[in-house]
Amino acid sequence: PSFPPLDGSPRVTGPKADQIHILLEGVMKDGKATAMVSFAKQLSDTDIAAAITYTRNSWGNKTGEAIQ
């Protein structure tokens, strides 16, 4: 449960704004950072968009979206 699969994940196939927010801000639980930290300082906006596009269109996820 700490690392849920990305294949078929509602966070990956749902609204793209939610996934963008997760990669830019990370995930907090009870006011504390989780293992899913922000990638805003490690990756460029282009790299983040590419990662999101990849997860939204890989495995069984076929959103057909390209994030820019």
PDB file of N, CA and C in Angstrom:
ATOM      1  N   PRO A   1       0.795  -1.219   0.000  1.00  0.00           N
ATOM      2  CA  PRO A   1       0.000   0.000   0.000  1.00  0.00           C
ATOM      3  C   PRO A   1       0.837   1.284   0.000  1.00  0.00           C
ATOM      4  N   SER A   2       2.104   1.180   0.378  1.00  0.00           N
ATOM      5  CA  SER A   2       2.958   2.371   0.386  1.00  0.00           C
ATOM      6  C   SER A   2       3.268   2.859  -1.021  1.00  0.00           C
ATOM      7  N   PHE A   3       3.369   1.925  -1.961  1.00  0.00           N
ATOM      8  CA  PHE A   3       3.695   2.268  -3.334  1.00  0.00           C
ATOM      9  C   PHE A   3       2.669   1.620  -4.257  1.00  0.00           C
ATOM     10  N   PRO A   4       1.487   2.231  -4.398  1.00  0.00           N
ATOM     11  CA  PRO A   4       0.439   1.629  -5.228  1.00  0.00           C
ATOM     12  C   PRO A   4       0.846   1.592  -6.698  1.00  0.00           C
ATOM     13  N   PRO A   5       0.328   0.631  -7.443  1.00  0.00           N
ATOM     14  CA  PRO A   5       0.681   0.535  -8.863  1.00  0.00           C
ATOM     15  C   PRO A   5       0.153   1.733  -9.653  1.00  0.00           C
ATOM     16  N   LEU A   6       0.878   2.082 -10.697  1.00  0.00           N
ATOM     17  CA  LEU A   6       0.451   3.183 -11.569  1.00  0.00           C
ATOM     18  C   LEU A   6      -0.513   2.707 -12.650  1.00  0.00           C
ATOM     19  N   ASP A   7      -0.461   1.419 -12.979  1.00  0.00           N
ATOM     20  CA  ASP A   7      -1.342   0.848 -13.995  1.00  0.00           C
ATOM     21  C   ASP A   7      -2.778   0.863 -13.492  1.00  0.00           C
ATOM     22  N   GLY A   8      -3.616   1.638 -14.146  1.00  0.00           N
ATOM     23  CA  GLY A   8      -5.023   1.733 -13.780  1.00  0.00           C
ATOM     24  C   GLY A   8      -5.304   2.618 -12.578  1.00  0.00           C
ATOM     25  N   SER A   9      -4.302   3.302 -12.086  1.00  0.00           N
ATOM     26  CA  SER A   9      -4.472   4.161 -10.919  1.00  0.00           C
ATOM     27  C   SER A   9      -5.374   5.354 -11.240  1.00  0.00           C
ATOM     28  N   PRO A  10      -6.370   5.628 -10.386  1.00  0.00           N
ATOM     29  CA  PRO A  10      -7.214   6.800 -10.610  1.00  0.00           C
ATOM     30  C   PRO A  10      -6.420   8.108 -10.558  1.00  0.00           C
ATOM     31  N   ARG A  11      -5.314   8.112  -9.826  1.00  0.00           N
ATOM     32  CA  ARG A  11      -4.483   9.324  -9.779  1.00  0.00           C
ATOM     33  C   ARG A  11      -3.757   9.545 -11.096  1.00  0.00           C
ATOM     34  N   VAL A  12      -3.496   8.476 -11.818  1.00  0.00           N
ATOM     35  CA  VAL A  12      -2.798   8.583 -13.097  1.00  0.00           C
ATOM     36  C   VAL A  12      -3.783   8.783 -14.241  1.00  0.00           C
ATOM     37  N   THR A  13      -4.916   8.127 -14.201  1.00  0.00           N
ATOM     38  CA  THR A  13      -5.871   8.213 -15.307  1.00  0.00           C
ATOM     39  C   THR A  13      -6.963   9.251 -15.072  1.00  0.00           C
ATOM     40  N   GLY A  14      -7.004   9.832 -13.886  1.00  0.00           N
ATOM     41  CA  GLY A  14      -8.005  10.848 -13.562  1.00  0.00           C
ATOM     42  C   GLY A  14      -7.606  12.215 -14.099  1.00  0.00           C
ATOM     43  N   PRO A  15      -8.122  13.270 -13.483  1.00  0.00           N
ATOM     44  CA  PRO A  15      -7.799  14.620 -13.953  1.00  0.00           C
ATOM     45  C   PRO A  15      -6.297  14.882 -13.952  1.00  0.00           C
ATOM     46  N   LYS A  16      -5.792  15.379 -15.076  1.00  0.00           N
ATOM     47  CA  LYS A  16      -4.344  15.589 -15.192  1.00  0.00           C
ATOM     48  C   LYS A  16      -3.831  16.621 -14.193  1.00  0.00           C
ATOM     49  N   ALA A  17      -4.652  17.570 -13.814  1.00  0.00           N
ATOM     50  CA  ALA A  17      -4.221  18.582 -12.844  1.00  0.00           C
ATOM     51  C   ALA A  17      -3.840  17.951 -11.511  1.00  0.00           C
ATOM     52  N   ASP A  18      -4.523  16.882 -11.133  1.00  0.00           N
ATOM     53  CA  ASP A  18      -4.203  16.194  -9.874  1.00  0.00           C
ATOM     54  C   ASP A  18      -2.813  15.560  -9.941  1.00  0.00           C
ATOM     55  N   GLN A  19      -2.491  14.922 -11.041  1.00  0.00           N
ATOM     56  CA  GLN A  19      -1.189  14.282 -11.180  1.00  0.00           C
ATOM     57  C   GLN A  19      -0.076  15.329 -11.280  1.00  0.00           C
ATOM     58  N   ILE A  20      -0.335  16.411 -11.979  1.00  0.00           N
ATOM     59  CA  ILE A  20       0.645  17.498 -12.072  1.00  0.00           C
ATOM     60  C   ILE A  20       0.933  18.043 -10.677  1.00  0.00           C
ATOM     61  N   HIS A  21      -0.109  18.260  -9.888  1.00  0.00           N
ATOM     62  CA  HIS A  21       0.053  18.770  -8.527  1.00  0.00           C
ATOM     63  C   HIS A  21       0.913  17.821  -7.681  1.00  0.00           C
ATOM     64  N   ILE A  22       0.685  16.527  -7.799  1.00  0.00           N
ATOM     65  CA  ILE A  22       1.451  15.552  -7.026  1.00  0.00           C
ATOM     66  C   ILE A  22       2.935  15.626  -7.376  1.00  0.00           C
ATOM     67  N   LEU A  23       3.265  15.705  -8.658  1.00  0.00           N
ATOM     68  CA  LEU A  23       4.679  15.751  -9.026  1.00  0.00           C
ATOM     69  C   LEU A  23       5.329  17.080  -8.643  1.00  0.00           C
ATOM     70  N   LEU A  24       4.575  18.161  -8.670  1.00  0.00           N
ATOM     71  CA  LEU A  24       5.147  19.464  -8.312  1.00  0.00           C
ATOM     72  C   LEU A  24       5.209  19.699  -6.806  1.00  0.00           C
ATOM     73  N   GLU A  25       4.225  19.181  -6.069  1.00  0.00           N
ATOM     74  CA  GLU A  25       4.129  19.466  -4.636  1.00  0.00           C
ATOM     75  C   GLU A  25       4.437  18.276  -3.733  1.00  0.00           C
ATOM     76  N   GLY A  26       4.409  17.056  -4.259  1.00  0.00           N
ATOM     77  CA  GLY A  26       4.561  15.875  -3.432  1.00  0.00           C
ATOM     78  C   GLY A  26       3.240  15.533  -2.759  1.00  0.00           C
ATOM     79  N   VAL A  27       3.259  14.535  -1.892  1.00  0.00           N
ATOM     80  CA  VAL A  27       2.059  14.105  -1.180  1.00  0.00           C
ATOM     81  C   VAL A  27       2.305  14.233   0.318  1.00  0.00           C
ATOM     82  N   MET A  28       1.390  14.899   0.989  1.00  0.00           N
ATOM     83  CA  MET A  28       1.443  15.054   2.433  1.00  0.00           C
ATOM     84  C   MET A  28       0.335  14.208   3.053  1.00  0.00           C
ATOM     85  N   LYS A  29       0.612  13.632   4.210  1.00  0.00           N
ATOM     86  CA  LYS A  29      -0.401  12.875   4.948  1.00  0.00           C
ATOM     87  C   LYS A  29      -0.274  13.265   6.412  1.00  0.00           C
ATOM     88  N   ASP A  30      -1.363  13.724   6.971  1.00  0.00           N
ATOM     89  CA  ASP A  30      -1.375  14.189   8.354  1.00  0.00           C
ATOM     90  C   ASP A  30      -0.315  15.257   8.593  1.00  0.00           C
ATOM     91  N   GLY A  31      -0.120  16.130   7.596  1.00  0.00           N
ATOM     92  CA  GLY A  31       0.830  17.232   7.720  1.00  0.00           C
ATOM     93  C   GLY A  31       2.284  16.850   7.563  1.00  0.00           C
ATOM     94  N   LYS A  32       2.546  15.591   7.187  1.00  0.00           N
ATOM     95  CA  LYS A  32       3.921  15.134   7.035  1.00  0.00           C
ATOM     96  C   LYS A  32       4.147  14.637   5.611  1.00  0.00           C
ATOM     97  N   ALA A  33       5.357  14.852   5.123  1.00  0.00           N
ATOM     98  CA  ALA A  33       5.702  14.385   3.781  1.00  0.00           C
ATOM     99  C   ALA A  33       5.700  12.859   3.737  1.00  0.00           C
ATOM    100  N   THR A  34       5.273  12.309   2.627  1.00  0.00           N
ATOM    101  CA  THR A  34       5.297  10.863   2.410  1.00  0.00           C
ATOM    102  C   THR A  34       6.510  10.526   1.536  1.00  0.00           C
ATOM    103  N   ALA A  35       6.591   9.290   1.097  1.00  0.00           N
ATOM    104  CA  ALA A  35       7.679   8.873   0.206  1.00  0.00           C
ATOM    105  C   ALA A  35       7.573   9.562  -1.156  1.00  0.00           C
ATOM    106  N   MET A  36       6.377  10.046  -1.500  1.00  0.00           N
ATOM    107  CA  MET A  36       6.196  10.740  -2.772  1.00  0.00           C
ATOM    108  C   MET A  36       6.503  12.218  -2.559  1.00  0.00           C
ATOM    109  N   VAL A  37       7.752  12.576  -2.784  1.00  0.00           N
ATOM    110  CA  VAL A  37       8.193  13.952  -2.593  1.00  0.00           C
ATOM    111  C   VAL A  37       8.038  14.738  -3.887  1.00  0.00           C
ATOM    112  N   SER A  38       8.162  16.038  -3.786  1.00  0.00           N
ATOM    113  CA  SER A  38       8.101  16.916  -4.949  1.00  0.00           C
ATOM    114  C   SER A  38       9.297  16.667  -5.865  1.00  0.00           C
ATOM    115  N   PHE A  39       9.045  16.726  -7.158  1.00  0.00           N
ATOM    116  CA  PHE A  39      10.113  16.631  -8.142  1.00  0.00           C
ATOM    117  C   PHE A  39      10.401  17.987  -8.782  1.00  0.00           C
ATOM    118  N   ALA A  40       9.811  19.047  -8.262  1.00  0.00           N
ATOM    119  CA  ALA A  40       9.924  20.375  -8.865  1.00  0.00           C
ATOM    120  C   ALA A  40      11.363  20.879  -8.912  1.00  0.00           C
ATOM    121  N   LYS A  41      12.189  20.510  -7.945  1.00  0.00           N
ATOM    122  CA  LYS A  41      13.577  20.996  -7.930  1.00  0.00           C
ATOM    123  C   LYS A  41      14.527  20.052  -8.664  1.00  0.00           C
ATOM    124  N   GLN A  42      14.130  18.791  -8.840  1.00  0.00           N
ATOM    125  CA  GLN A  42      15.006  17.818  -9.492  1.00  0.00           C
ATOM    126  C   GLN A  42      14.801  17.749 -11.000  1.00  0.00           C
ATOM    127  N   LEU A  43      13.586  18.024 -11.450  1.00  0.00           N
ATOM    128  CA  LEU A  43      13.254  17.882 -12.875  1.00  0.00           C
ATOM    129  C   LEU A  43      12.761  19.203 -13.446  1.00  0.00           C
ATOM    130  N   SER A  44      13.028  19.409 -14.719  1.00  0.00           N
ATOM    131  CA  SER A  44      12.495  20.586 -15.406  1.00  0.00           C
ATOM    132  C   SER A  44      10.999  20.383 -15.668  1.00  0.00           C
ATOM    133  N   ASP A  45      10.312  21.444 -16.006  1.00  0.00           N
ATOM    134  CA  ASP A  45       8.893  21.328 -16.356  1.00  0.00           C
ATOM    135  C   ASP A  45       8.702  20.376 -17.534  1.00  0.00           C
ATOM    136  N   THR A  46       9.629  20.411 -18.481  1.00  0.00           N
ATOM    137  CA  THR A  46       9.554  19.533 -19.647  1.00  0.00           C
ATOM    138  C   THR A  46       9.687  18.069 -19.225  1.00  0.00           C
ATOM    139  N   ASP A  47      10.611  17.794 -18.314  1.00  0.00           N
ATOM    140  CA  ASP A  47      10.803  16.426 -17.831  1.00  0.00           C
ATOM    141  C   ASP A  47       9.586  15.940 -17.045  1.00  0.00           C
ATOM    142  N   ILE A  48       9.001  16.814 -16.233  1.00  0.00           N
ATOM    143  CA  ILE A  48       7.802  16.445 -15.479  1.00  0.00           C
ATOM    144  C   ILE A  48       6.654  16.145 -16.429  1.00  0.00           C
ATOM    145  N   ALA A  49       6.482  16.984 -17.451  1.00  0.00           N
ATOM    146  CA  ALA A  49       5.423  16.745 -18.434  1.00  0.00           C
ATOM    147  C   ALA A  49       5.645  15.418 -19.153  1.00  0.00           C
ATOM    148  N   ALA A  50       6.892  15.099 -19.480  1.00  0.00           N
ATOM    149  CA  ALA A  50       7.198  13.833 -20.155  1.00  0.00           C
ATOM    150  C   ALA A  50       6.892  12.638 -19.254  1.00  0.00           C
ATOM    151  N   ALA A  51       7.238  12.743 -17.987  1.00  0.00           N
ATOM    152  CA  ALA A  51       6.966  11.647 -17.045  1.00  0.00           C
ATOM    153  C   ALA A  51       5.466  11.420 -16.894  1.00  0.00           C
ATOM    154  N   ILE A  52       4.705  12.496 -16.811  1.00  0.00           N
ATOM    155  CA  ILE A  52       3.253  12.378 -16.671  1.00  0.00           C
ATOM    156  C   ILE A  52       2.651  11.801 -17.948  1.00  0.00           C
ATOM    157  N   THR A  53       3.100  12.281 -19.095  1.00  0.00           N
ATOM    158  CA  THR A  53       2.609  11.737 -20.369  1.00  0.00           C
ATOM    159  C   THR A  53       2.897  10.243 -20.444  1.00  0.00           C
ATOM    160  N   TYR A  54       4.088   9.844 -20.032  1.00  0.00           N
ATOM    161  CA  TYR A  54       4.461   8.426 -20.064  1.00  0.00           C
ATOM    162  C   TYR A  54       3.531   7.592 -19.181  1.00  0.00           C
ATOM    163  N   THR A  55       3.337   8.001 -17.929  1.00  0.00           N
ATOM    164  CA  THR A  55       2.514   7.189 -17.034  1.00  0.00           C
ATOM    165  C   THR A  55       1.052   7.182 -17.452  1.00  0.00           C
ATOM    166  N   ARG A  56       0.572   8.257 -18.075  1.00  0.00           N
ATOM    167  CA  ARG A  56      -0.820   8.318 -18.496  1.00  0.00           C
ATOM    168  C   ARG A  56      -1.091   7.476 -19.749  1.00  0.00           C
ATOM    169  N   ASN A  57      -0.014   7.032 -20.422  1.00  0.00           N
ATOM    170  CA  ASN A  57      -0.192   6.287 -21.675  1.00  0.00           C
ATOM    171  C   ASN A  57       0.555   4.964 -21.707  1.00  0.00           C
ATOM    172  N   SER A  58       1.061   4.499 -20.575  1.00  0.00           N
ATOM    173  CA  SER A  58       1.797   3.236 -20.520  1.00  0.00           C
ATOM    174  C   SER A  58       0.958   2.172 -19.819  1.00  0.00           C
ATOM    175  N   TRP A  59       1.401   0.915 -19.977  1.00  0.00           N
ATOM    176  CA  TRP A  59       0.732  -0.229 -19.381  1.00  0.00           C
ATOM    177  C   TRP A  59      -0.716  -0.255 -19.874  1.00  0.00           C
ATOM    178  N   GLY A  60      -1.690  -0.352 -19.002  1.00  0.00           N
ATOM    179  CA  GLY A  60      -3.089  -0.356 -19.410  1.00  0.00           C
ATOM    180  C   GLY A  60      -3.682   1.053 -19.484  1.00  0.00           C
ATOM    181  N   ASN A  61      -2.894   2.050 -19.137  1.00  0.00           N
ATOM    182  CA  ASN A  61      -3.368   3.438 -19.157  1.00  0.00           C
ATOM    183  C   ASN A  61      -3.272   3.972 -20.579  1.00  0.00           C
ATOM    184  N   LYS A  62      -4.383   4.297 -21.148  1.00  0.00           N
ATOM    185  CA  LYS A  62      -4.403   4.780 -22.529  1.00  0.00           C
ATOM    186  C   LYS A  62      -5.249   6.041 -22.621  1.00  0.00           C
ATOM    187  N   THR A  63      -4.791   7.116 -21.957  1.00  0.00           N
ATOM    188  CA  THR A  63      -5.574   8.352 -21.974  1.00  0.00           C
ATOM    189  C   THR A  63      -5.478   9.073 -23.314  1.00  0.00           C
ATOM    190  N   GLY A  64      -4.392   8.827 -24.067  1.00  0.00           N
ATOM    191  CA  GLY A  64      -4.205   9.515 -25.345  1.00  0.00           C
ATOM    192  C   GLY A  64      -3.793  10.962 -25.182  1.00  0.00           C
ATOM    193  N   GLU A  65      -3.458  11.364 -23.961  1.00  0.00           N
ATOM    194  CA  GLU A  65      -3.091  12.761 -23.706  1.00  0.00           C
ATOM    195  C   GLU A  65      -1.582  12.945 -23.754  1.00  0.00           C
ATOM    196  N   ALA A  66      -1.177  14.099 -24.254  1.00  0.00           N
ATOM    197  CA  ALA A  66       0.214  14.523 -24.197  1.00  0.00           C
ATOM    198  C   ALA A  66       0.240  15.770 -23.332  1.00  0.00           C
ATOM    199  N   ILE A  67       0.971  15.707 -22.240  1.00  0.00           N
ATOM    200  CA  ILE A  67       1.046  16.825 -21.312  1.00  0.00           C
ATOM    201  C   ILE A  67       2.193  17.726 -21.735  1.00  0.00           C
ATOM    202  N   GLN A  68       1.930  19.023 -21.796  1.00  0.00           N
ATOM    203  CA  GLN A  68       2.956  19.992 -22.197  1.00  0.00           C
ATOM    204  C   GLN A  68       3.112  21.061 -21.144  1.00  0.00           C
TER     205      GLN A  68
END
